[in-house]
Amino acid sequence: MSKLRSAQAAGPATGALSPTASEHVREKRRRRKQEILHAALRAFRDGGYHGTTLADIAERLGVRQTALYHYFPDKESILYACHRESLEELDRLIRESGRLETAREQLAWVIREHVRVMTETLEGSPLAFEVAALSPERQAEVIAARDRYERALRRMIEHGIEQGEFRSLDAKIAVFAILGAINWIARWYRQEGPVQGAELGAQYADQLIGGLICGDGDPGDAA
């Protein structure tokens, strides 16, 4: 009995991870998954999803293709994780926009931040055009999340119309125009180009909201 108590007092068996070590392993794994996702985004941007192989992604990371299987079982799982990351960011934008007072301020902020997601988080990768590459179940999940985001923007514009900030218009068409303009960034934007993400976001907010506001207000005020 005394030997059992001594063993229990000694703590976990040799080789077991302490909570601190376990957290370190999880954080290291999380960082590595992020590195894989961003290497994949760059590869998808340059070669398209269907034109990119797991070997291409591994080459960008300087590892063997087999190393990717410790984190993702296949290329579609990587694409799905990229979609999940971008949609989580968009959900966060809607939540955080509530700290601003007017619909005009909220919409301008969301547009600027959405452009940042496109140019920085997604590195200009055209994920919006690759949904069809996902399995039906994953497609349904991504489309449902995308629809929630569209509805949130529509409510924002409708509120602005009710408050007299925006002129009377079809909020659904306005949202389609805004998202179409932002998604098209992936077709031409390059991080090494002359216009950086923050400047591009400010210009998009000014020009897109300029078509919604009433009177002679300066759309730049919303920035």
C-alpha atoms as a PDB file:
ATOM      1  CA  MET A   1       0.000   0.000   0.000  1.00  0.00           C
ATOM      2  CA  SER A   2       2.836   2.403   0.846  1.00  0.00           C
ATOM      3  CA  LYS A   3       4.408   1.770  -2.555  1.00  0.00           C
ATOM      4  CA  LEU A   4       1.088   2.600  -4.278  1.00  0.00           C
ATOM      5  CA  ARG A   5       0.793   5.863  -2.373  1.00  0.00           C
ATOM      6  CA  SER A   6       4.368   6.734  -3.324  1.00  0.00           C
ATOM      7  CA  ALA A   7       3.645   6.084  -6.995  1.00  0.00           C
ATOM      8  CA  GLN A   8       0.498   8.214  -6.879  1.00  0.00           C
ATOM      9  CA  ALA A   9       2.335  11.038  -5.167  1.00  0.00           C
ATOM     10  CA  ALA A  10       5.020  10.955  -7.814  1.00  0.00           C
ATOM     11  CA  GLY A  11       2.499  12.150 -10.417  1.00  0.00           C
ATOM     12  CA  PRO A  12       1.922  10.921 -13.994  1.00  0.00           C
ATOM     13  CA  ALA A  13       4.009   8.151 -15.490  1.00  0.00           C
ATOM     14  CA  THR A  14       7.242   9.016 -17.238  1.00  0.00           C
ATOM     15  CA  GLY A  15       6.593  10.266 -20.738  1.00  0.00           C
ATOM     16  CA  ALA A  16       3.171  11.785 -20.019  1.00  0.00           C
ATOM     17  CA  LEU A  17       2.793  15.404 -21.122  1.00  0.00           C
ATOM     18  CA  SER A  18       2.269  18.070 -18.481  1.00  0.00           C
ATOM     19  CA  PRO A  19      -0.587  20.546 -19.100  1.00  0.00           C
ATOM     20  CA  THR A  20       1.974  23.162 -20.143  1.00  0.00           C
ATOM     21  CA  ALA A  21       3.741  20.800 -22.534  1.00  0.00           C
ATOM     22  CA  SER A  22       0.417  19.614 -23.950  1.00  0.00           C
ATOM     23  CA  GLU A  23      -0.656  23.211 -24.595  1.00  0.00           C
ATOM     24  CA  HIS A  24       2.679  23.857 -26.300  1.00  0.00           C
ATOM     25  CA  VAL A  25       2.105  20.877 -28.601  1.00  0.00           C
ATOM     26  CA  ARG A  26      -1.404  22.050 -29.467  1.00  0.00           C
ATOM     27  CA  GLU A  27      -0.179  25.567 -30.223  1.00  0.00           C
ATOM     28  CA  LYS A  28       2.636  24.226 -32.378  1.00  0.00           C
ATOM     29  CA  ARG A  29       0.140  22.078 -34.284  1.00  0.00           C
ATOM     30  CA  ARG A  30      -2.234  25.040 -34.697  1.00  0.00           C
ATOM     31  CA  ARG A  31       0.570  27.198 -36.132  1.00  0.00           C
ATOM     32  CA  ARG A  32       1.590  24.453 -38.531  1.00  0.00           C
ATOM     33  CA  LYS A  33      -1.973  24.052 -39.773  1.00  0.00           C
ATOM     34  CA  GLN A  34      -2.113  27.803 -40.377  1.00  0.00           C
ATOM     35  CA  GLU A  35       1.116  27.620 -42.358  1.00  0.00           C
ATOM     36  CA  ILE A  36      -0.361  24.848 -44.504  1.00  0.00           C
ATOM     37  CA  LEU A  37      -3.573  26.803 -45.091  1.00  0.00           C
ATOM     38  CA  HIS A  38      -1.735  29.932 -46.182  1.00  0.00           C
ATOM     39  CA  ALA A  39       0.608  27.976 -48.434  1.00  0.00           C
ATOM     40  CA  ALA A  40      -2.490  26.397 -49.975  1.00  0.00           C
ATOM     41  CA  LEU A  41      -4.168  29.778 -50.428  1.00  0.00           C
ATOM     42  CA  ARG A  42      -1.162  31.084 -52.315  1.00  0.00           C
ATOM     43  CA  ALA A  43      -1.087  27.947 -54.450  1.00  0.00           C
ATOM     44  CA  PHE A  44      -4.833  28.191 -55.180  1.00  0.00           C
ATOM     45  CA  ARG A  45      -4.384  31.858 -56.097  1.00  0.00           C
ATOM     46  CA  ASP A  46      -1.568  31.142 -58.529  1.00  0.00           C
ATOM     47  CA  GLY A  47      -2.740  27.868 -60.057  1.00  0.00           C
ATOM     48  CA  GLY A  48      -6.398  27.508 -59.185  1.00  0.00           C
ATOM     49  CA  TYR A  49      -7.796  24.826 -56.913  1.00  0.00           C
ATOM     50  CA  HIS A  50      -8.027  22.126 -59.575  1.00  0.00           C
ATOM     51  CA  GLY A  51      -4.606  22.987 -60.949  1.00  0.00           C
ATOM     52  CA  THR A  52      -2.966  22.687 -57.521  1.00  0.00           C
ATOM     53  CA  THR A  53      -1.737  19.417 -56.051  1.00  0.00           C
ATOM     54  CA  LEU A  54      -0.788  18.486 -52.511  1.00  0.00           C
ATOM     55  CA  ALA A  55       2.774  18.236 -53.788  1.00  0.00           C
ATOM     56  CA  ASP A  56       2.587  21.905 -54.874  1.00  0.00           C
ATOM     57  CA  ILE A  57       1.466  22.928 -51.382  1.00  0.00           C
ATOM     58  CA  ALA A  58       4.153  20.812 -49.717  1.00  0.00           C
ATOM     59  CA  GLU A  59       6.810  22.306 -51.989  1.00  0.00           C
ATOM     60  CA  ARG A  60       5.877  25.812 -50.853  1.00  0.00           C
ATOM     61  CA  LEU A  61       6.408  24.709 -47.259  1.00  0.00           C
ATOM     62  CA  GLY A  62       9.639  22.876 -48.000  1.00  0.00           C
ATOM     63  CA  VAL A  63       8.301  19.551 -46.697  1.00  0.00           C
ATOM     64  CA  ARG A  64       7.364  16.165 -48.126  1.00  0.00           C
ATOM     65  CA  GLN A  65       3.797  15.672 -49.285  1.00  0.00           C
ATOM     66  CA  THR A  66       3.328  12.956 -46.667  1.00  0.00           C
ATOM     67  CA  ALA A  67       3.887  15.555 -43.926  1.00  0.00           C
ATOM     68  CA  LEU A  68       0.578  17.197 -44.857  1.00  0.00           C
ATOM     69  CA  TYR A  69      -1.363  14.044 -44.000  1.00  0.00           C
ATOM     70  CA  HIS A  70      -0.617  14.586 -40.303  1.00  0.00           C
ATOM     71  CA  TYR A  71      -2.911  17.619 -40.500  1.00  0.00           C
ATOM     72  CA  PHE A  72      -5.290  17.120 -43.438  1.00  0.00           C
ATOM     73  CA  PRO A  73      -6.410  13.895 -45.140  1.00  0.00           C
ATOM     74  CA  ASP A  74      -6.768  15.417 -48.622  1.00  0.00           C
ATOM     75  CA  LYS A  75      -6.817  18.623 -50.669  1.00  0.00           C
ATOM     76  CA  GLU A  76     -10.554  19.146 -50.255  1.00  0.00           C
ATOM     77  CA  SER A  77     -10.144  19.203 -46.465  1.00  0.00           C
ATOM     78  CA  ILE A  78      -7.625  22.017 -46.873  1.00  0.00           C
ATOM     79  CA  LEU A  79     -10.034  23.965 -49.092  1.00  0.00           C
ATOM     80  CA  TYR A  80     -12.831  23.413 -46.565  1.00  0.00           C
ATOM     81  CA  ALA A  81     -10.637  24.647 -43.700  1.00  0.00           C
ATOM     82  CA  CYS A  82      -9.800  27.771 -45.728  1.00  0.00           C
ATOM     83  CA  HIS A  83     -13.510  28.449 -46.221  1.00  0.00           C
ATOM     84  CA  ARG A  84     -14.194  27.905 -42.527  1.00  0.00           C
ATOM     85  CA  GLU A  85     -11.475  30.355 -41.535  1.00  0.00           C
ATOM     86  CA  SER A  86     -12.730  33.073 -43.887  1.00  0.00           C
ATOM     87  CA  LEU A  87     -16.380  32.625 -42.856  1.00  0.00           C
ATOM     88  CA  GLU A  88     -15.475  32.802 -39.171  1.00  0.00           C
ATOM     89  CA  GLU A  89     -13.753  36.099 -39.886  1.00  0.00           C
ATOM     90  CA  LEU A  90     -16.851  37.428 -41.643  1.00  0.00           C
ATOM     91  CA  ASP A  91     -19.053  36.395 -38.710  1.00  0.00           C
ATOM     92  CA  ARG A  92     -16.704  38.308 -36.436  1.00  0.00           C
ATOM     93  CA  LEU A  93     -16.978  41.403 -38.630  1.00  0.00           C
ATOM     94  CA  ILE A  94     -20.752  41.439 -38.295  1.00  0.00           C
ATOM     95  CA  ARG A  95     -20.557  41.044 -34.515  1.00  0.00           C
ATOM     96  CA  GLU A  96     -17.958  43.775 -34.089  1.00  0.00           C
ATOM     97  CA  SER A  97     -19.731  46.201 -36.412  1.00  0.00           C
ATOM     98  CA  GLY A  98     -22.415  46.551 -33.743  1.00  0.00           C
ATOM     99  CA  ARG A  99     -20.116  48.794 -31.716  1.00  0.00           C
ATOM    100  CA  LEU A 100     -20.579  51.540 -34.325  1.00  0.00           C
ATOM    101  CA  GLU A 101     -23.592  53.810 -34.115  1.00  0.00           C
ATOM    102  CA  THR A 102     -24.928  54.254 -37.654  1.00  0.00           C
ATOM    103  CA  ALA A 103     -25.640  51.812 -40.447  1.00  0.00           C
ATOM    104  CA  ARG A 104     -23.377  53.844 -42.701  1.00  0.00           C
ATOM    105  CA  GLU A 105     -20.445  53.535 -40.302  1.00  0.00           C
ATOM    106  CA  GLN A 106     -21.124  49.833 -39.808  1.00  0.00           C
ATOM    107  CA  LEU A 107     -21.292  49.070 -43.509  1.00  0.00           C
ATOM    108  CA  ALA A 108     -18.158  51.087 -44.303  1.00  0.00           C
ATOM    109  CA  TRP A 109     -16.250  49.243 -41.585  1.00  0.00           C
ATOM    110  CA  VAL A 110     -17.461  45.830 -42.761  1.00  0.00           C
ATOM    111  CA  ILE A 111     -16.496  46.592 -46.370  1.00  0.00           C
ATOM    112  CA  ARG A 112     -13.006  47.734 -45.370  1.00  0.00           C
ATOM    113  CA  GLU A 113     -12.494  44.693 -43.156  1.00  0.00           C
ATOM    114  CA  HIS A 114     -13.912  42.289 -45.737  1.00  0.00           C
ATOM    115  CA  VAL A 115     -11.400  43.637 -48.250  1.00  0.00           C
ATOM    116  CA  ARG A 116      -8.695  43.049 -45.634  1.00  0.00           C
ATOM    117  CA  VAL A 117      -9.847  39.442 -45.268  1.00  0.00           C
ATOM    118  CA  MET A 118      -9.665  39.038 -49.048  1.00  0.00           C
ATOM    119  CA  THR A 119      -6.217  40.598 -49.423  1.00  0.00           C
ATOM    120  CA  GLU A 120      -4.528  39.462 -46.195  1.00  0.00           C
ATOM    121  CA  THR A 121      -6.290  36.472 -44.603  1.00  0.00           C
ATOM    122  CA  LEU A 122      -7.068  34.840 -47.959  1.00  0.00           C
ATOM    123  CA  GLU A 123      -4.067  36.406 -49.720  1.00  0.00           C
ATOM    124  CA  GLY A 124      -6.196  37.204 -52.774  1.00  0.00           C
ATOM    125  CA  SER A 125      -7.218  33.577 -53.271  1.00  0.00           C
ATOM    126  CA  PRO A 126     -10.525  33.120 -55.161  1.00  0.00           C
ATOM    127  CA  LEU A 127     -12.259  30.874 -52.611  1.00  0.00           C
ATOM    128  CA  ALA A 128     -15.687  32.262 -53.466  1.00  0.00           C
ATOM    129  CA  PHE A 129     -15.388  30.636 -56.897  1.00  0.00           C
ATOM    130  CA  GLU A 130     -14.313  27.211 -55.564  1.00  0.00           C
ATOM    131  CA  VAL A 131     -17.341  26.181 -53.488  1.00  0.00           C
ATOM    132  CA  ALA A 132     -18.396  23.617 -56.118  1.00  0.00           C
ATOM    133  CA  ALA A 133     -15.198  21.662 -55.419  1.00  0.00           C
ATOM    134  CA  LEU A 134     -16.479  20.750 -51.948  1.00  0.00           C
ATOM    135  CA  SER A 135     -18.598  17.737 -51.085  1.00  0.00           C
ATOM    136  CA  PRO A 136     -22.380  18.356 -51.007  1.00  0.00           C
ATOM    137  CA  GLU A 137     -22.420  18.443 -47.198  1.00  0.00           C
ATOM    138  CA  ARG A 138     -19.575  20.931 -46.996  1.00  0.00           C
ATOM    139  CA  GLN A 139     -21.046  22.994 -49.803  1.00  0.00           C
ATOM    140  CA  ALA A 140     -24.312  23.257 -47.875  1.00  0.00           C
ATOM    141  CA  GLU A 141     -22.483  24.402 -44.736  1.00  0.00           C
ATOM    142  CA  VAL A 142     -20.444  27.038 -46.572  1.00  0.00           C
ATOM    143  CA  ILE A 143     -23.429  28.334 -48.530  1.00  0.00           C
ATOM    144  CA  ALA A 144     -25.555  28.559 -45.363  1.00  0.00           C
ATOM    145  CA  ALA A 145     -22.835  30.608 -43.615  1.00  0.00           C
ATOM    146  CA  ARG A 146     -22.432  32.811 -46.672  1.00  0.00           C
ATOM    147  CA  ASP A 147     -26.197  33.383 -46.787  1.00  0.00           C
ATOM    148  CA  ARG A 148     -26.207  34.446 -43.114  1.00  0.00           C
ATOM    149  CA  TYR A 149     -23.558  37.021 -43.892  1.00  0.00           C
ATOM    150  CA  GLU A 150     -25.521  38.337 -46.882  1.00  0.00           C
ATOM    151  CA  ARG A 151     -28.681  38.641 -44.769  1.00  0.00           C
ATOM    152  CA  ALA A 152     -26.790  40.534 -42.072  1.00  0.00           C
ATOM    153  CA  LEU A 153     -25.542  43.044 -44.661  1.00  0.00           C
ATOM    154  CA  ARG A 154     -29.040  43.350 -46.080  1.00  0.00           C
ATOM    155  CA  ARG A 155     -30.461  44.155 -42.638  1.00  0.00           C
ATOM    156  CA  MET A 156     -27.725  46.745 -42.188  1.00  0.00           C
ATOM    157  CA  ILE A 157     -28.685  48.487 -45.438  1.00  0.00           C
ATOM    158  CA  GLU A 158     -32.407  48.227 -44.694  1.00  0.00           C
ATOM    159  CA  HIS A 159     -31.817  49.857 -41.317  1.00  0.00           C
ATOM    160  CA  GLY A 160     -29.869  52.622 -43.038  1.00  0.00           C
ATOM    161  CA  ILE A 161     -32.788  53.193 -45.413  1.00  0.00           C
ATOM    162  CA  GLU A 162     -35.229  53.367 -42.486  1.00  0.00           C
ATOM    163  CA  GLN A 163     -33.020  55.917 -40.729  1.00  0.00           C
ATOM    164  CA  GLY A 164     -32.643  58.061 -43.848  1.00  0.00           C
ATOM    165  CA  GLU A 165     -28.911  57.364 -44.185  1.00  0.00           C
ATOM    166  CA  PHE A 166     -29.333  55.488 -47.474  1.00  0.00           C
ATOM    167  CA  ARG A 167     -31.688  56.261 -50.302  1.00  0.00           C
ATOM    168  CA  SER A 168     -34.607  53.953 -51.084  1.00  0.00           C
ATOM    169  CA  LEU A 169     -33.316  50.955 -53.024  1.00  0.00           C
ATOM    170  CA  ASP A 170     -33.403  47.167 -53.205  1.00  0.00           C
ATOM    171  CA  ALA A 171     -31.136  46.076 -50.325  1.00  0.00           C
ATOM    172  CA  LYS A 172     -30.711  42.591 -51.776  1.00  0.00           C
ATOM    173  CA  ILE A 173     -29.404  43.922 -55.093  1.00  0.00           C
ATOM    174  CA  ALA A 174     -27.149  46.369 -53.226  1.00  0.00           C
ATOM    175  CA  VAL A 175     -25.607  43.527 -51.203  1.00  0.00           C
ATOM    176  CA  PHE A 176     -25.047  41.446 -54.341  1.00  0.00           C
ATOM    177  CA  ALA A 177     -23.283  44.406 -55.955  1.00  0.00           C
ATOM    178  CA  ILE A 178     -21.071  44.964 -52.901  1.00  0.00           C
ATOM    179  CA  LEU A 179     -20.115  41.301 -52.502  1.00  0.00           C
ATOM    180  CA  GLY A 180     -19.601  40.879 -56.235  1.00  0.00           C
ATOM    181  CA  ALA A 181     -17.156  43.778 -56.252  1.00  0.00           C
ATOM    182  CA  ILE A 182     -15.263  42.453 -53.222  1.00  0.00           C
ATOM    183  CA  ASN A 183     -15.123  38.849 -54.432  1.00  0.00           C
ATOM    184  CA  TRP A 184     -13.788  39.977 -57.803  1.00  0.00           C
ATOM    185  CA  ILE A 185     -10.681  41.296 -56.031  1.00  0.00           C
ATOM    186  CA  ALA A 186      -9.386  37.732 -56.163  1.00  0.00           C
ATOM    187  CA  ARG A 187      -9.281  37.907 -59.961  1.00  0.00           C
ATOM    188  CA  TRP A 188      -6.820  40.757 -60.145  1.00  0.00           C
ATOM    189  CA  TYR A 189      -5.272  41.619 -56.757  1.00  0.00           C
ATOM    190  CA  ARG A 190      -1.620  40.882 -56.051  1.00  0.00           C
ATOM    191  CA  GLN A 191       0.004  41.643 -52.720  1.00  0.00           C
ATOM    192  CA  GLU A 192       3.138  42.891 -54.464  1.00  0.00           C
ATOM    193  CA  GLY A 193       1.093  45.386 -56.503  1.00  0.00           C
ATOM    194  CA  PRO A 194       0.973  49.170 -56.009  1.00  0.00           C
ATOM    195  CA  VAL A 195      -2.285  49.196 -53.983  1.00  0.00           C
ATOM    196  CA  GLN A 196      -2.195  47.616 -50.542  1.00  0.00           C
ATOM    197  CA  GLY A 197      -5.146  46.073 -48.718  1.00  0.00           C
ATOM    198  CA  ALA A 198      -5.894  48.952 -46.343  1.00  0.00           C
ATOM    199  CA  GLU A 199      -5.914  51.553 -49.123  1.00  0.00           C
ATOM    200  CA  LEU A 200      -8.005  49.297 -51.337  1.00  0.00           C
ATOM    201  CA  GLY A 201     -10.523  48.745 -48.527  1.00  0.00           C
ATOM    202  CA  ALA A 202     -10.880  52.491 -47.962  1.00  0.00           C
ATOM    203  CA  GLN A 203     -11.467  53.102 -51.676  1.00  0.00           C
ATOM    204  CA  TYR A 204     -14.033  50.313 -51.881  1.00  0.00           C
ATOM    205  CA  ALA A 205     -15.910  51.663 -48.852  1.00  0.00           C
ATOM    206  CA  ASP A 206     -15.992  55.180 -50.310  1.00  0.00           C
ATOM    207  CA  GLN A 207     -17.141  54.123 -53.760  1.00  0.00           C
ATOM    208  CA  LEU A 208     -19.611  51.404 -52.793  1.00  0.00           C
ATOM    209  CA  ILE A 209     -21.296  53.446 -50.075  1.00  0.00           C
ATOM    210  CA  GLY A 210     -21.267  56.484 -52.338  1.00  0.00           C
ATOM    211  CA  GLY A 211     -23.941  54.752 -54.406  1.00  0.00           C
ATOM    212  CA  LEU A 212     -26.181  54.276 -51.367  1.00  0.00           C
ATOM    213  CA  ILE A 213     -26.107  57.550 -49.467  1.00  0.00           C
ATOM    214  CA  CYS A 214     -28.720  60.275 -49.610  1.00  0.00           C
ATOM    215  CA  GLY A 215     -27.964  63.876 -50.487  1.00  0.00           C
ATOM    216  CA  ASP A 216     -24.538  65.347 -51.044  1.00  0.00           C
ATOM    217  CA  GLY A 217     -22.727  63.742 -48.114  1.00  0.00           C
ATOM    218  CA  ASP A 218     -19.111  62.754 -48.559  1.00  0.00           C
ATOM    219  CA  PRO A 219     -18.879  58.936 -48.491  1.00  0.00           C
ATOM    220  CA  GLY A 220     -15.421  59.351 -47.020  1.00  0.00           C
ATOM    221  CA  ASP A 221     -17.074  60.500 -43.788  1.00  0.00           C
ATOM    222  CA  ALA A 222     -17.994  56.882 -43.105  1.00  0.00           C
ATOM    223  CA  ALA A 223     -14.324  55.942 -42.923  1.00  0.00           C
END
